[in-house]
Amino acid sequence: MKDLLDLLTARELESGEDCLRLSLLNFNGLASIYLIQYEHDITRSITDNNNKNNQYYINMAIRTYERVIQTAETYKEHFHADSFQLAHAYYNLSYSITLLTKTDNVNVNIPRFRKFF
């Protein structure tokens, strides 16, 4: 009975890690889409061109990359996050912040990002 319980626990832990990996993958993909939409106006839908400016897309990319890192931190006690996904999030978060700070007339609260570096 103990062996069966250990086997089921191991399977559920593996399933949890797979779900975390998939969630981080999807968040990274969504953030990348926001970053692409920031850099290339042609990738935006026609309705978005009228309602959203560049600032919106870069802010959404930053928020989504932050969410990847926060999600991995939240579950790190029980599940191992893929290091390549975290590297993607950290690198692109840094790149996004650099893009945001290069734009003129932007009021950026950088200290909130320092906790990740």
C-alpha atoms as a PDB file:
ATOM      1  CA  MET A   1       0.000   0.000   0.000  1.00  0.00           C
ATOM      2  CA  LYS A   2       2.848   2.403   0.831  1.00  0.00           C
ATOM      3  CA  ASP A   3       4.458   1.728  -2.556  1.00  0.00           C
ATOM      4  CA  LEU A   4       1.210   2.517  -4.325  1.00  0.00           C
ATOM      5  CA  LEU A   5       0.834   5.767  -2.419  1.00  0.00           C
ATOM      6  CA  ASP A   6       4.440   6.733  -3.252  1.00  0.00           C
ATOM      7  CA  LEU A   7       3.857   5.970  -6.928  1.00  0.00           C
ATOM      8  CA  LEU A   8       0.664   8.038  -7.068  1.00  0.00           C
ATOM      9  CA  THR A   9       2.358  10.921  -5.265  1.00  0.00           C
ATOM     10  CA  ALA A  10       5.286  10.851  -7.698  1.00  0.00           C
ATOM     11  CA  ARG A  11       2.903  10.850 -10.661  1.00  0.00           C
ATOM     12  CA  GLU A  12       0.984  13.822  -9.309  1.00  0.00           C
ATOM     13  CA  LEU A  13       4.192  15.753  -8.662  1.00  0.00           C
ATOM     14  CA  GLU A  14       5.275  15.081 -12.230  1.00  0.00           C
ATOM     15  CA  SER A  15       1.863  16.164 -13.481  1.00  0.00           C
ATOM     16  CA  GLY A  16       2.116  19.368 -11.437  1.00  0.00           C
ATOM     17  CA  GLU A  17       5.534  20.143 -12.911  1.00  0.00           C
ATOM     18  CA  ASP A  18       4.178  19.563 -16.402  1.00  0.00           C
ATOM     19  CA  CYS A  19       1.305  21.971 -15.727  1.00  0.00           C
ATOM     20  CA  LEU A  20       3.709  24.595 -14.357  1.00  0.00           C
ATOM     21  CA  ARG A  21       5.969  24.175 -17.393  1.00  0.00           C
ATOM     22  CA  LEU A  22       3.003  24.572 -19.735  1.00  0.00           C
ATOM     23  CA  SER A  23       1.744  27.656 -17.882  1.00  0.00           C
ATOM     24  CA  LEU A  24       5.153  29.321 -18.019  1.00  0.00           C
ATOM     25  CA  LEU A  25       5.433  28.449 -21.701  1.00  0.00           C
ATOM     26  CA  ASN A  26       2.078  30.076 -22.433  1.00  0.00           C
ATOM     27  CA  PHE A  27       2.869  33.211 -20.415  1.00  0.00           C
ATOM     28  CA  ASN A  28       6.244  33.564 -22.143  1.00  0.00           C
ATOM     29  CA  GLY A  29       4.544  33.187 -25.512  1.00  0.00           C
ATOM     30  CA  LEU A  30       1.924  35.795 -24.672  1.00  0.00           C
ATOM     31  CA  ALA A  31       4.569  38.243 -23.444  1.00  0.00           C
ATOM     32  CA  SER A  32       6.563  37.657 -26.628  1.00  0.00           C
ATOM     33  CA  ILE A  33       3.506  38.484 -28.709  1.00  0.00           C
ATOM     34  CA  TYR A  34       3.103  41.760 -26.805  1.00  0.00           C
ATOM     35  CA  LEU A  35       6.776  42.528 -27.401  1.00  0.00           C
ATOM     36  CA  ILE A  36       6.423  41.809 -31.129  1.00  0.00           C
ATOM     37  CA  GLN A  37       3.320  43.997 -31.284  1.00  0.00           C
ATOM     38  CA  TYR A  38       5.271  46.790 -29.579  1.00  0.00           C
ATOM     39  CA  GLU A  39       8.121  46.566 -32.070  1.00  0.00           C
ATOM     40  CA  HIS A  40       6.073  46.009 -35.241  1.00  0.00           C
ATOM     41  CA  ASP A  41       2.864  47.992 -35.751  1.00  0.00           C
ATOM     42  CA  ILE A  42       1.802  45.774 -38.630  1.00  0.00           C
ATOM     43  CA  THR A  43       1.303  42.801 -36.262  1.00  0.00           C
ATOM     44  CA  ARG A  44      -1.472  44.589 -34.369  1.00  0.00           C
ATOM     45  CA  SER A  45      -5.090  44.032 -35.262  1.00  0.00           C
ATOM     46  CA  ILE A  46      -6.889  46.893 -36.982  1.00  0.00           C
ATOM     47  CA  THR A  47      -9.108  47.616 -33.981  1.00  0.00           C
ATOM     48  CA  ASP A  48      -6.091  47.718 -31.641  1.00  0.00           C
ATOM     49  CA  ASN A  49      -4.305  50.339 -33.736  1.00  0.00           C
ATOM     50  CA  ASN A  50      -6.959  52.893 -32.842  1.00  0.00           C
ATOM     51  CA  ASN A  51      -7.268  52.092 -29.156  1.00  0.00           C
ATOM     52  CA  LYS A  52      -3.806  51.103 -27.883  1.00  0.00           C
ATOM     53  CA  ASN A  53      -0.457  52.826 -28.143  1.00  0.00           C
ATOM     54  CA  ASN A  54       3.096  51.481 -27.908  1.00  0.00           C
ATOM     55  CA  GLN A  55       3.143  52.070 -24.154  1.00  0.00           C
ATOM     56  CA  TYR A  56       0.286  49.581 -23.693  1.00  0.00           C
ATOM     57  CA  TYR A  57       2.112  46.739 -25.445  1.00  0.00           C
ATOM     58  CA  ILE A  58       5.435  47.204 -23.663  1.00  0.00           C
ATOM     59  CA  ASN A  59       3.694  47.457 -20.276  1.00  0.00           C
ATOM     60  CA  MET A  60       1.741  44.271 -20.969  1.00  0.00           C
ATOM     61  CA  ALA A  61       4.941  42.471 -21.999  1.00  0.00           C
ATOM     62  CA  ILE A  62       6.654  43.563 -18.784  1.00  0.00           C
ATOM     63  CA  ARG A  63       3.689  42.546 -16.624  1.00  0.00           C
ATOM     64  CA  THR A  64       3.475  39.150 -18.295  1.00  0.00           C
ATOM     65  CA  TYR A  65       7.213  38.435 -17.932  1.00  0.00           C
ATOM     66  CA  GLU A  66       6.917  39.470 -14.280  1.00  0.00           C
ATOM     67  CA  ARG A  67       4.064  37.022 -13.909  1.00  0.00           C
ATOM     68  CA  VAL A  68       6.224  34.196 -15.280  1.00  0.00           C
ATOM     69  CA  ILE A  69       8.867  34.927 -12.661  1.00  0.00           C
ATOM     70  CA  GLN A  70       6.326  35.337  -9.858  1.00  0.00           C
ATOM     71  CA  THR A  71       4.580  32.088 -10.777  1.00  0.00           C
ATOM     72  CA  ALA A  72       7.866  30.190 -10.752  1.00  0.00           C
ATOM     73  CA  GLU A  73       8.730  31.743  -7.374  1.00  0.00           C
ATOM     74  CA  THR A  74       5.332  30.865  -5.936  1.00  0.00           C
ATOM     75  CA  TYR A  75       5.616  27.172  -6.764  1.00  0.00           C
ATOM     76  CA  LYS A  76       9.394  26.676  -6.394  1.00  0.00           C
ATOM     77  CA  GLU A  77       8.989  24.875  -3.073  1.00  0.00           C
ATOM     78  CA  HIS A  78       7.028  22.036  -4.655  1.00  0.00           C
ATOM     79  CA  PHE A  79       7.830  22.136  -8.370  1.00  0.00           C
ATOM     80  CA  HIS A  80      10.931  22.815 -10.434  1.00  0.00           C
ATOM     81  CA  ALA A  81      10.470  25.463 -13.120  1.00  0.00           C
ATOM     82  CA  ASP A  82      12.314  25.009 -16.405  1.00  0.00           C
ATOM     83  CA  SER A  83      15.503  27.081 -16.289  1.00  0.00           C
ATOM     84  CA  PHE A  84      15.314  27.927 -19.999  1.00  0.00           C
ATOM     85  CA  GLN A  85      11.846  29.397 -19.557  1.00  0.00           C
ATOM     86  CA  LEU A  86      13.060  31.502 -16.644  1.00  0.00           C
ATOM     87  CA  ALA A  87      16.111  32.611 -18.618  1.00  0.00           C
ATOM     88  CA  HIS A  88      13.777  33.662 -21.449  1.00  0.00           C
ATOM     89  CA  ALA A  89      11.622  35.630 -19.006  1.00  0.00           C
ATOM     90  CA  TYR A  90      14.559  37.352 -17.261  1.00  0.00           C
ATOM     91  CA  TYR A  91      16.300  38.249 -20.512  1.00  0.00           C
ATOM     92  CA  ASN A  92      13.203  39.603 -22.207  1.00  0.00           C
ATOM     93  CA  LEU A  93      12.059  41.414 -19.060  1.00  0.00           C
ATOM     94  CA  SER A  94      15.411  43.176 -19.005  1.00  0.00           C
ATOM     95  CA  TYR A  95      15.128  43.951 -22.709  1.00  0.00           C
ATOM     96  CA  SER A  96      11.560  45.248 -22.282  1.00  0.00           C
ATOM     97  CA  ILE A  97      12.559  47.516 -19.413  1.00  0.00           C
ATOM     98  CA  THR A  98      15.418  48.845 -21.537  1.00  0.00           C
ATOM     99  CA  LEU A  99      12.978  49.610 -24.366  1.00  0.00           C
ATOM    100  CA  LEU A 100      10.593  51.294 -21.963  1.00  0.00           C
ATOM    101  CA  THR A 101      13.259  53.484 -20.401  1.00  0.00           C
ATOM    102  CA  LYS A 102      14.577  54.547 -23.823  1.00  0.00           C
ATOM    103  CA  THR A 103      11.252  56.040 -24.864  1.00  0.00           C
ATOM    104  CA  ASP A 104      10.789  59.725 -24.141  1.00  0.00           C
ATOM    105  CA  ASN A 105       8.207  61.180 -21.765  1.00  0.00           C
ATOM    106  CA  VAL A 106       7.734  57.966 -19.841  1.00  0.00           C
ATOM    107  CA  ASN A 107       7.343  57.873 -16.084  1.00  0.00           C
ATOM    108  CA  VAL A 108       8.788  54.512 -15.060  1.00  0.00           C
ATOM    109  CA  ASN A 109       8.845  53.069 -11.580  1.00  0.00           C
ATOM    110  CA  ILE A 110      12.013  50.988 -11.973  1.00  0.00           C
ATOM    111  CA  PRO A 111      12.471  49.963  -8.300  1.00  0.00           C
ATOM    112  CA  ARG A 112       9.610  47.456  -8.597  1.00  0.00           C
ATOM    113  CA  PHE A 113      11.732  45.511 -11.113  1.00  0.00           C
ATOM    114  CA  ARG A 114      14.882  45.376  -8.998  1.00  0.00           C
ATOM    115  CA  LYS A 115      13.594  42.521  -6.872  1.00  0.00           C
ATOM    116  CA  PHE A 116      14.089  40.175  -9.849  1.00  0.00           C
ATOM    117  CA  PHE A 117      17.723  41.008 -10.581  1.00  0.00           C
END
